[in-house]
PDB file of N, CA and C in Angstrom:
ATOM      1  N   UNK A   1      25.279 -42.735  53.096  1.00  0.00           N
ATOM      2  CA  UNK A   1      23.987 -42.139  52.743  1.00  0.00           C
ATOM      3  C   UNK A   1      23.622 -40.847  52.293  1.00  0.00           C
ATOM      4  N   UNK A   2      24.706 -40.191  52.338  1.00  0.00           N
ATOM      5  CA  UNK A   2      24.824 -38.606  51.508  1.00  0.00           C
ATOM      6  C   UNK A   2      25.191 -39.018  50.426  1.00  0.00           C
ATOM      7  N   UNK A   3      26.451 -39.758  50.334  1.00  0.00           N
ATOM      8  CA  UNK A   3      26.795 -39.501  48.582  1.00  0.00           C
ATOM      9  C   UNK A   3      25.121 -40.154  47.562  1.00  0.00           C
ATOM     10  N   UNK A   4      24.887 -41.485  48.343  1.00  0.00           N
ATOM     11  CA  UNK A   4      23.383 -41.641  47.708  1.00  0.00           C
ATOM     12  C   UNK A   4      22.249 -40.474  47.635  1.00  0.00           C
ATOM     13  N   UNK A   5      22.249 -39.912  48.328  1.00  0.00           N
ATOM     14  CA  UNK A   5      21.325 -38.777  48.175  1.00  0.00           C
ATOM     15  C   UNK A   5      21.611 -37.562  47.129  1.00  0.00           C
ATOM     16  N   UNK A   6      22.473 -37.258  47.285  1.00  0.00           N
ATOM     17  CA  UNK A   6      23.426 -36.380  46.269  1.00  0.00           C
ATOM     18  C   UNK A   6      22.952 -37.043  45.245  1.00  0.00           C
ATOM     19  N   UNK A   7      23.369 -37.931  44.696  1.00  0.00           N
ATOM     20  CA  UNK A   7      23.754 -38.737  43.536  1.00  0.00           C
ATOM     21  C   UNK A   7      22.071 -38.860  42.920  1.00  0.00           C
ATOM     22  N   UNK A   8      21.011 -39.015  43.524  1.00  0.00           N
ATOM     23  CA  UNK A   8      19.527 -39.421  43.200  1.00  0.00           C
ATOM     24  C   UNK A   8      19.567 -37.860  42.391  1.00  0.00           C
ATOM     25  N   UNK A   9      19.593 -36.535  43.723  1.00  0.00           N
ATOM     26  CA  UNK A   9      19.532 -35.192  43.230  1.00  0.00           C
ATOM     27  C   UNK A   9      20.168 -35.210  41.952  1.00  0.00           C
ATOM     28  N   UNK A  10      21.576 -35.384  41.710  1.00  0.00           N
ATOM     29  CA  UNK A  10      21.758 -35.054  40.224  1.00  0.00           C
ATOM     30  C   UNK A  10      21.386 -35.451  39.059  1.00  0.00           C
ATOM     31  N   UNK A  11      20.403 -36.969  39.179  1.00  0.00           N
ATOM     32  CA  UNK A  11      20.183 -37.729  38.324  1.00  0.00           C
ATOM     33  C   UNK A  11      18.888 -36.793  37.526  1.00  0.00           C
ATOM     34  N   UNK A  12      18.454 -36.931  36.386  1.00  0.00           N
ATOM     35  CA  UNK A  12      17.503 -36.374  35.449  1.00  0.00           C
ATOM     36  C   UNK A  12      16.809 -37.780  35.303  1.00  0.00           C
ATOM     37  N   UNK A  13      15.465 -37.333  35.461  1.00  0.00           N
ATOM     38  CA  UNK A  13      14.522 -38.422  34.860  1.00  0.00           C
ATOM     39  C   UNK A  13      14.508 -38.077  33.208  1.00  0.00           C
ATOM     40  N   UNK A  14      14.722 -39.028  32.452  1.00  0.00           N
ATOM     41  CA  UNK A  14      14.857 -38.958  31.295  1.00  0.00           C
ATOM     42  C   UNK A  14      13.165 -38.679  30.660  1.00  0.00           C
ATOM     43  N   UNK A  15      12.540 -39.457  31.452  1.00  0.00           N
ATOM     44  CA  UNK A  15      10.641 -39.291  31.044  1.00  0.00           C
ATOM     45  C   UNK A  15      10.390 -37.830  31.057  1.00  0.00           C
ATOM     46  N   UNK A  16      10.721 -37.094  31.878  1.00  0.00           N
ATOM     47  CA  UNK A  16      10.301 -35.893  32.430  1.00  0.00           C
ATOM     48  C   UNK A  16      10.897 -35.093  31.340  1.00  0.00           C
ATOM     49  N   UNK A  17      12.237 -34.923  31.141  1.00  0.00           N
ATOM     50  CA  UNK A  17      12.960 -34.387  30.331  1.00  0.00           C
ATOM     51  C   UNK A  17      12.194 -34.237  28.764  1.00  0.00           C
ATOM     52  N   UNK A  18      11.923 -35.808  28.214  1.00  0.00           N
ATOM     53  CA  UNK A  18      11.279 -35.615  27.246  1.00  0.00           C
ATOM     54  C   UNK A  18      10.166 -35.073  26.756  1.00  0.00           C
ATOM     55  N   UNK A  19       9.596 -35.364  28.185  1.00  0.00           N
ATOM     56  CA  UNK A  19       8.148 -34.544  28.150  1.00  0.00           C
ATOM     57  C   UNK A  19       7.954 -32.843  28.063  1.00  0.00           C
ATOM     58  N   UNK A  20       8.967 -32.331  28.838  1.00  0.00           N
ATOM     59  CA  UNK A  20       9.340 -31.050  28.879  1.00  0.00           C
ATOM     60  C   UNK A  20       9.737 -30.711  27.252  1.00  0.00           C
ATOM     61  N   UNK A  21      10.312 -31.461  26.454  1.00  0.00           N
ATOM     62  CA  UNK A  21      10.935 -31.408  25.223  1.00  0.00           C
ATOM     63  C   UNK A  21       9.945 -31.225  24.227  1.00  0.00           C
ATOM     64  N   UNK A  22       9.344 -32.337  24.734  1.00  0.00           N
ATOM     65  CA  UNK A  22       8.014 -32.723  23.755  1.00  0.00           C
ATOM     66  C   UNK A  22       6.914 -31.279  23.888  1.00  0.00           C
ATOM     67  N   UNK A  23       6.596 -30.671  25.180  1.00  0.00           N
ATOM     68  CA  UNK A  23       5.891 -29.734  25.317  1.00  0.00           C
ATOM     69  C   UNK A  23       6.455 -28.256  24.455  1.00  0.00           C
ATOM     70  N   UNK A  24       7.749 -28.468  24.490  1.00  0.00           N
ATOM     71  CA  UNK A  24       8.309 -26.839  23.804  1.00  0.00           C
ATOM     72  C   UNK A  24       8.095 -27.018  22.513  1.00  0.00           C
ATOM     73  N   UNK A  25       8.616 -28.714  21.678  1.00  0.00           N
ATOM     74  CA  UNK A  25       8.429 -28.540  20.471  1.00  0.00           C
ATOM     75  C   UNK A  25       6.536 -28.115  20.181  1.00  0.00           C
ATOM     76  N   UNK A  26       5.681 -28.633  20.883  1.00  0.00           N
ATOM     77  CA  UNK A  26       4.328 -28.682  20.464  1.00  0.00           C
ATOM     78  C   UNK A  26       3.952 -27.332  20.588  1.00  0.00           C
ATOM     79  N   UNK A  27       4.033 -26.686  21.639  1.00  0.00           N
ATOM     80  CA  UNK A  27       4.458 -24.723  21.579  1.00  0.00           C
ATOM     81  C   UNK A  27       4.627 -24.078  20.284  1.00  0.00           C
ATOM     82  N   UNK A  28       5.869 -24.495  20.027  1.00  0.00           N
ATOM     83  CA  UNK A  28       6.658 -23.678  19.044  1.00  0.00           C
ATOM     84  C   UNK A  28       5.563 -23.933  17.561  1.00  0.00           C
ATOM     85  N   UNK A  29       5.061 -25.253  17.389  1.00  0.00           N
ATOM     86  CA  UNK A  29       4.675 -25.862  16.283  1.00  0.00           C
ATOM     87  C   UNK A  29       3.432 -25.290  16.300  1.00  0.00           C
ATOM     88  N   UNK A  30       2.812 -24.556  17.232  1.00  0.00           N
ATOM     89  CA  UNK A  30       1.210 -24.213  17.581  1.00  0.00           C
ATOM     90  C   UNK A  30       1.312 -22.784  17.053  1.00  0.00           C
ATOM     91  N   UNK A  31       2.414 -22.295  17.732  1.00  0.00           N
ATOM     92  CA  UNK A  31       2.666 -20.806  17.303  1.00  0.00           C
ATOM     93  C   UNK A  31       3.164 -20.500  15.801  1.00  0.00           C
ATOM     94  N   UNK A  32       3.658 -21.230  15.335  1.00  0.00           N
ATOM     95  CA  UNK A  32       3.964 -21.291  13.787  1.00  0.00           C
ATOM     96  C   UNK A  32       2.514 -21.375  13.239  1.00  0.00           C
ATOM     97  N   UNK A  33       1.808 -22.428  14.106  1.00  0.00           N
ATOM     98  CA  UNK A  33       0.374 -23.011  12.830  1.00  0.00           C
ATOM     99  C   UNK A  33      -0.809 -21.441  13.306  1.00  0.00           C
ATOM    100  N   UNK A  34      -0.572 -20.953  14.465  1.00  0.00           N
ATOM    101  CA  UNK A  34      -1.230 -19.703  14.832  1.00  0.00           C
ATOM    102  C   UNK A  34      -0.956 -18.912  13.458  1.00  0.00           C
ATOM    103  N   UNK A  35       0.278 -18.815  13.581  1.00  0.00           N
ATOM    104  CA  UNK A  35       0.756 -17.457  12.035  1.00  0.00           C
ATOM    105  C   UNK A  35       0.196 -17.709  10.683  1.00  0.00           C
ATOM    106  N   UNK A  36       0.442 -19.070  10.427  1.00  0.00           N
ATOM    107  CA  UNK A  36      -0.421 -19.311   8.803  1.00  0.00           C
ATOM    108  C   UNK A  36      -1.663 -19.180   9.149  1.00  0.00           C
ATOM    109  N   UNK A  37      -2.759 -19.576  10.420  1.00  0.00           N
ATOM    110  CA  UNK A  37      -3.681 -19.467  10.068  1.00  0.00           C
ATOM    111  C   UNK A  37      -4.316 -17.835  10.308  1.00  0.00           C
ATOM    112  N   UNK A  38      -3.149 -17.245  10.819  1.00  0.00           N
ATOM    113  CA  UNK A  38      -3.787 -15.948  10.610  1.00  0.00           C
ATOM    114  C   UNK A  38      -3.832 -15.362   9.316  1.00  0.00           C
ATOM    115  N   UNK A  39      -2.493 -15.460   8.717  1.00  0.00           N
ATOM    116  CA  UNK A  39      -2.501 -15.212   7.391  1.00  0.00           C
ATOM    117  C   UNK A  39      -3.318 -15.552   6.569  1.00  0.00           C
ATOM    118  N   UNK A  40      -3.730 -17.170   6.478  1.00  0.00           N
ATOM    119  CA  UNK A  40      -4.923 -17.355   5.915  1.00  0.00           C
ATOM    120  C   UNK A  40      -6.240 -16.870   6.274  1.00  0.00           C
ATOM    121  N   UNK A  41      -6.785 -16.593   7.234  1.00  0.00           N
ATOM    122  CA  UNK A  41      -7.770 -16.034   7.423  1.00  0.00           C
ATOM    123  C   UNK A  41      -7.982 -14.325   7.061  1.00  0.00           C
ATOM    124  N   UNK A  42      -6.614 -13.718   6.929  1.00  0.00           N
ATOM    125  CA  UNK A  42      -6.364 -12.493   6.466  1.00  0.00           C
ATOM    126  C   UNK A  42      -6.838 -12.652   4.905  1.00  0.00           C
ATOM    127  N   UNK A  43      -6.190 -13.778   4.402  1.00  0.00           N
ATOM    128  CA  UNK A  43      -6.258 -13.865   2.555  1.00  0.00           C
ATOM    129  C   UNK A  43      -8.125 -14.415   2.333  1.00  0.00           C
ATOM    130  N   UNK A  44      -8.402 -15.190   3.122  1.00  0.00           N
ATOM    131  CA  UNK A  44      -9.781 -15.162   2.972  1.00  0.00           C
ATOM    132  C   UNK A  44     -10.672 -14.116   3.132  1.00  0.00           C
ATOM    133  N   UNK A  45     -10.855 -13.522   4.124  1.00  0.00           N
ATOM    134  CA  UNK A  45     -11.641 -12.088   4.612  1.00  0.00           C
ATOM    135  C   UNK A  45     -11.533 -10.965   3.414  1.00  0.00           C
ATOM    136  N   UNK A  46     -10.250 -11.111   2.841  1.00  0.00           N
ATOM    137  CA  UNK A  46      -9.741  -9.762   1.838  1.00  0.00           C
ATOM    138  C   UNK A  46     -10.667 -10.160   0.541  1.00  0.00           C
ATOM    139  N   UNK A  47     -10.392 -11.923   0.154  1.00  0.00           N
ATOM    140  CA  UNK A  47     -10.845 -12.287  -0.939  1.00  0.00           C
ATOM    141  C   UNK A  47     -12.416 -12.211  -0.897  1.00  0.00           C
ATOM    142  N   UNK A  48     -13.247 -12.365   0.287  1.00  0.00           N
ATOM    143  CA  UNK A  48     -14.803 -11.932   0.542  1.00  0.00           C
ATOM    144  C   UNK A  48     -15.291 -10.539   0.521  1.00  0.00           C
ATOM    145  N   UNK A  49     -14.011  -9.788   0.706  1.00  0.00           N
ATOM    146  CA  UNK A  49     -14.450  -8.195   0.891  1.00  0.00           C
ATOM    147  C   UNK A  49     -14.542  -7.902  -0.895  1.00  0.00           C
ATOM    148  N   UNK A  50     -13.440  -8.184  -1.669  1.00  0.00           N
ATOM    149  CA  UNK A  50     -13.706  -8.223  -3.108  1.00  0.00           C
ATOM    150  C   UNK A  50     -14.787  -9.238  -3.932  1.00  0.00           C
ATOM    151  N   UNK A  51     -15.033  -9.751  -3.195  1.00  0.00           N
ATOM    152  CA  UNK A  51     -16.548 -10.685  -4.037  1.00  0.00           C
ATOM    153  C   UNK A  51     -17.750  -9.850  -3.663  1.00  0.00           C
ATOM    154  N   UNK A  52     -17.096  -9.569  -2.579  1.00  0.00           N
ATOM    155  CA  UNK A  52     -18.632  -8.609  -2.447  1.00  0.00           C
ATOM    156  C   UNK A  52     -19.114  -7.127  -2.551  1.00  0.00           C
ATOM    157  N   UNK A  53     -17.624  -6.769  -3.143  1.00  0.00           N
ATOM    158  CA  UNK A  53     -17.278  -5.227  -3.313  1.00  0.00           C
ATOM    159  C   UNK A  53     -16.984  -5.449  -5.121  1.00  0.00           C
ATOM    160  N   UNK A  54     -16.908  -6.405  -5.714  1.00  0.00           N
ATOM    161  CA  UNK A  54     -16.416  -6.284  -7.010  1.00  0.00           C
ATOM    162  C   UNK A  54     -17.239  -5.520  -8.101  1.00  0.00           C
ATOM    163  N   UNK A  55     -18.227  -5.314  -7.670  1.00  0.00           N
ATOM    164  CA  UNK A  55     -18.885  -4.617  -8.840  1.00  0.00           C
ATOM    165  C   UNK A  55     -18.745  -2.782  -8.415  1.00  0.00           C
ATOM    166  N   UNK A  56     -18.388  -2.540  -7.483  1.00  0.00           N
ATOM    167  CA  UNK A  56     -18.048  -1.152  -7.439  1.00  0.00           C
ATOM    168  C   UNK A  56     -16.479  -0.803  -7.603  1.00  0.00           C
ATOM    169  N   UNK A  57     -15.495  -1.698  -7.217  1.00  0.00           N
ATOM    170  CA  UNK A  57     -14.262  -1.714  -7.747  1.00  0.00           C
ATOM    171  C   UNK A  57     -13.996  -1.353  -9.392  1.00  0.00           C
ATOM    172  N   UNK A  58     -14.963  -2.342  -9.977  1.00  0.00           N
ATOM    173  CA  UNK A  58     -14.758  -2.512 -11.420  1.00  0.00           C
ATOM    174  C   UNK A  58     -14.844  -0.700 -11.842  1.00  0.00           C
ATOM    175  N   UNK A  59     -16.376  -0.477 -11.416  1.00  0.00           N
ATOM    176  CA  UNK A  59     -16.902   1.006 -11.748  1.00  0.00           C
ATOM    177  C   UNK A  59     -16.015   2.025 -11.110  1.00  0.00           C
ATOM    178  N   UNK A  60     -15.332   1.942 -10.470  1.00  0.00           N
ATOM    179  CA  UNK A  60     -14.546   2.989  -9.363  1.00  0.00           C
ATOM    180  C   UNK A  60     -13.372   2.897 -10.673  1.00  0.00           C
ATOM    181  N   UNK A  61     -12.721   2.180 -10.640  1.00  0.00           N
ATOM    182  CA  UNK A  61     -11.550   2.000 -11.568  1.00  0.00           C
ATOM    183  C   UNK A  61     -11.918   2.408 -13.191  1.00  0.00           C
ATOM    184  N   UNK A  62     -13.017   2.020 -13.557  1.00  0.00           N
ATOM    185  CA  UNK A  62     -13.419   2.281 -14.949  1.00  0.00           C
ATOM    186  C   UNK A  62     -13.429   4.162 -14.794  1.00  0.00           C
ATOM    187  N   UNK A  63     -14.298   4.656 -14.014  1.00  0.00           N
ATOM    188  CA  UNK A  63     -14.613   5.876 -14.190  1.00  0.00           C
ATOM    189  C   UNK A  63     -13.133   6.784 -13.879  1.00  0.00           C
ATOM    190  N   UNK A  64     -12.507   5.900 -13.386  1.00  0.00           N
ATOM    191  CA  UNK A  64     -10.652   6.904 -13.233  1.00  0.00           C
ATOM    192  C   UNK A  64     -10.199   6.550 -14.358  1.00  0.00           C
ATOM    193  N   UNK A  65     -10.628   5.676 -14.926  1.00  0.00           N
ATOM    194  CA  UNK A  65      -9.823   5.486 -16.353  1.00  0.00           C
ATOM    195  C   UNK A  65     -10.239   6.281 -17.383  1.00  0.00           C
ATOM    196  N   UNK A  66     -11.519   6.573 -17.233  1.00  0.00           N
ATOM    197  CA  UNK A  66     -11.803   7.034 -18.194  1.00  0.00           C
ATOM    198  C   UNK A  66     -11.705   8.919 -18.130  1.00  0.00           C
ATOM    199  N   UNK A  67     -11.800   9.320 -16.977  1.00  0.00           N
ATOM    200  CA  UNK A  67     -11.363  10.597 -16.200  1.00  0.00           C
ATOM    201  C   UNK A  67     -10.157  11.054 -16.608  1.00  0.00           C
ATOM    202  N   UNK A  68      -9.155   9.969 -16.363  1.00  0.00           N
ATOM    203  CA  UNK A  68      -7.898   9.982 -16.638  1.00  0.00           C
ATOM    204  C   UNK A  68      -7.406  10.140 -17.888  1.00  0.00           C
ATOM    205  N   UNK A  69      -7.874   9.321 -19.295  1.00  0.00           N
ATOM    206  CA  UNK A  69      -7.807   9.600 -20.500  1.00  0.00           C
ATOM    207  C   UNK A  69      -8.431  10.603 -20.693  1.00  0.00           C
ATOM    208  N   UNK A  70      -9.509  11.040 -20.542  1.00  0.00           N
ATOM    209  CA  UNK A  70     -10.075  12.409 -20.601  1.00  0.00           C
ATOM    210  C   UNK A  70      -8.997  13.967 -20.166  1.00  0.00           C
ATOM    211  N   UNK A  71      -8.704  13.550 -19.298  1.00  0.00           N
ATOM    212  CA  UNK A  71      -7.686  14.895 -18.916  1.00  0.00           C
ATOM    213  C   UNK A  71      -6.773  15.051 -19.583  1.00  0.00           C
ATOM    214  N   UNK A  72      -5.768  13.526 -20.096  1.00  0.00           N
ATOM    215  CA  UNK A  72      -4.773  13.776 -20.915  1.00  0.00           C
ATOM    216  C   UNK A  72      -5.089  13.917 -22.028  1.00  0.00           C
ATOM    217  N   UNK A  73      -6.177  13.541 -22.790  1.00  0.00           N
ATOM    218  CA  UNK A  73      -6.321  13.837 -24.165  1.00  0.00           C
ATOM    219  C   UNK A  73      -6.446  15.152 -24.128  1.00  0.00           C
ATOM    220  N   UNK A  74      -7.150  15.917 -23.114  1.00  0.00           N
ATOM    221  CA  UNK A  74      -7.021  17.341 -23.571  1.00  0.00           C
ATOM    222  C   UNK A  74      -6.178  18.019 -23.030  1.00  0.00           C
ATOM    223  N   UNK A  75      -4.808  17.597 -22.893  1.00  0.00           N
ATOM    224  CA  UNK A  75      -3.626  18.129 -22.193  1.00  0.00           C
ATOM    225  C   UNK A  75      -3.705  18.921 -20.964  1.00  0.00           C
ATOM    226  N   UNK A  76      -4.930  18.905 -20.029  1.00  0.00           N
ATOM    227  CA  UNK A  76      -5.251  19.592 -18.971  1.00  0.00           C
ATOM    228  C   UNK A  76      -4.470  19.256 -17.885  1.00  0.00           C
ATOM    229  N   UNK A  77      -4.124  18.055 -17.629  1.00  0.00           N
ATOM    230  CA  UNK A  77      -3.056  17.599 -16.555  1.00  0.00           C
ATOM    231  C   UNK A  77      -3.665  17.272 -15.359  1.00  0.00           C
ATOM    232  N   UNK A  78      -3.011  17.862 -14.282  1.00  0.00           N
ATOM    233  CA  UNK A  78      -3.671  17.381 -12.864  1.00  0.00           C
ATOM    234  C   UNK A  78      -5.172  18.589 -13.025  1.00  0.00           C
ATOM    235  N   UNK A  79      -6.186  18.609 -11.957  1.00  0.00           N
ATOM    236  CA  UNK A  79      -6.984  19.703 -11.650  1.00  0.00           C
ATOM    237  C   UNK A  79      -6.239  20.731 -11.139  1.00  0.00           C
TER     238      UNK A  79
END
């Protein structure tokens, strides 16, 4: 009887082993998916910011370019 009991304790149920392995893969792929979801969320938020403030960015860049060209043309260099 003791040998049968030891044999049962040593055996691993393959069904539960596959369930554990499946949960591990599921958690791993969910983790990778959450990383990509975060990256794409950041990308969308950045694009929405540029969409809302595009005119301000263009005006600031244009003013900076004009001011820099003026300083370079007059050989003033830096302020």
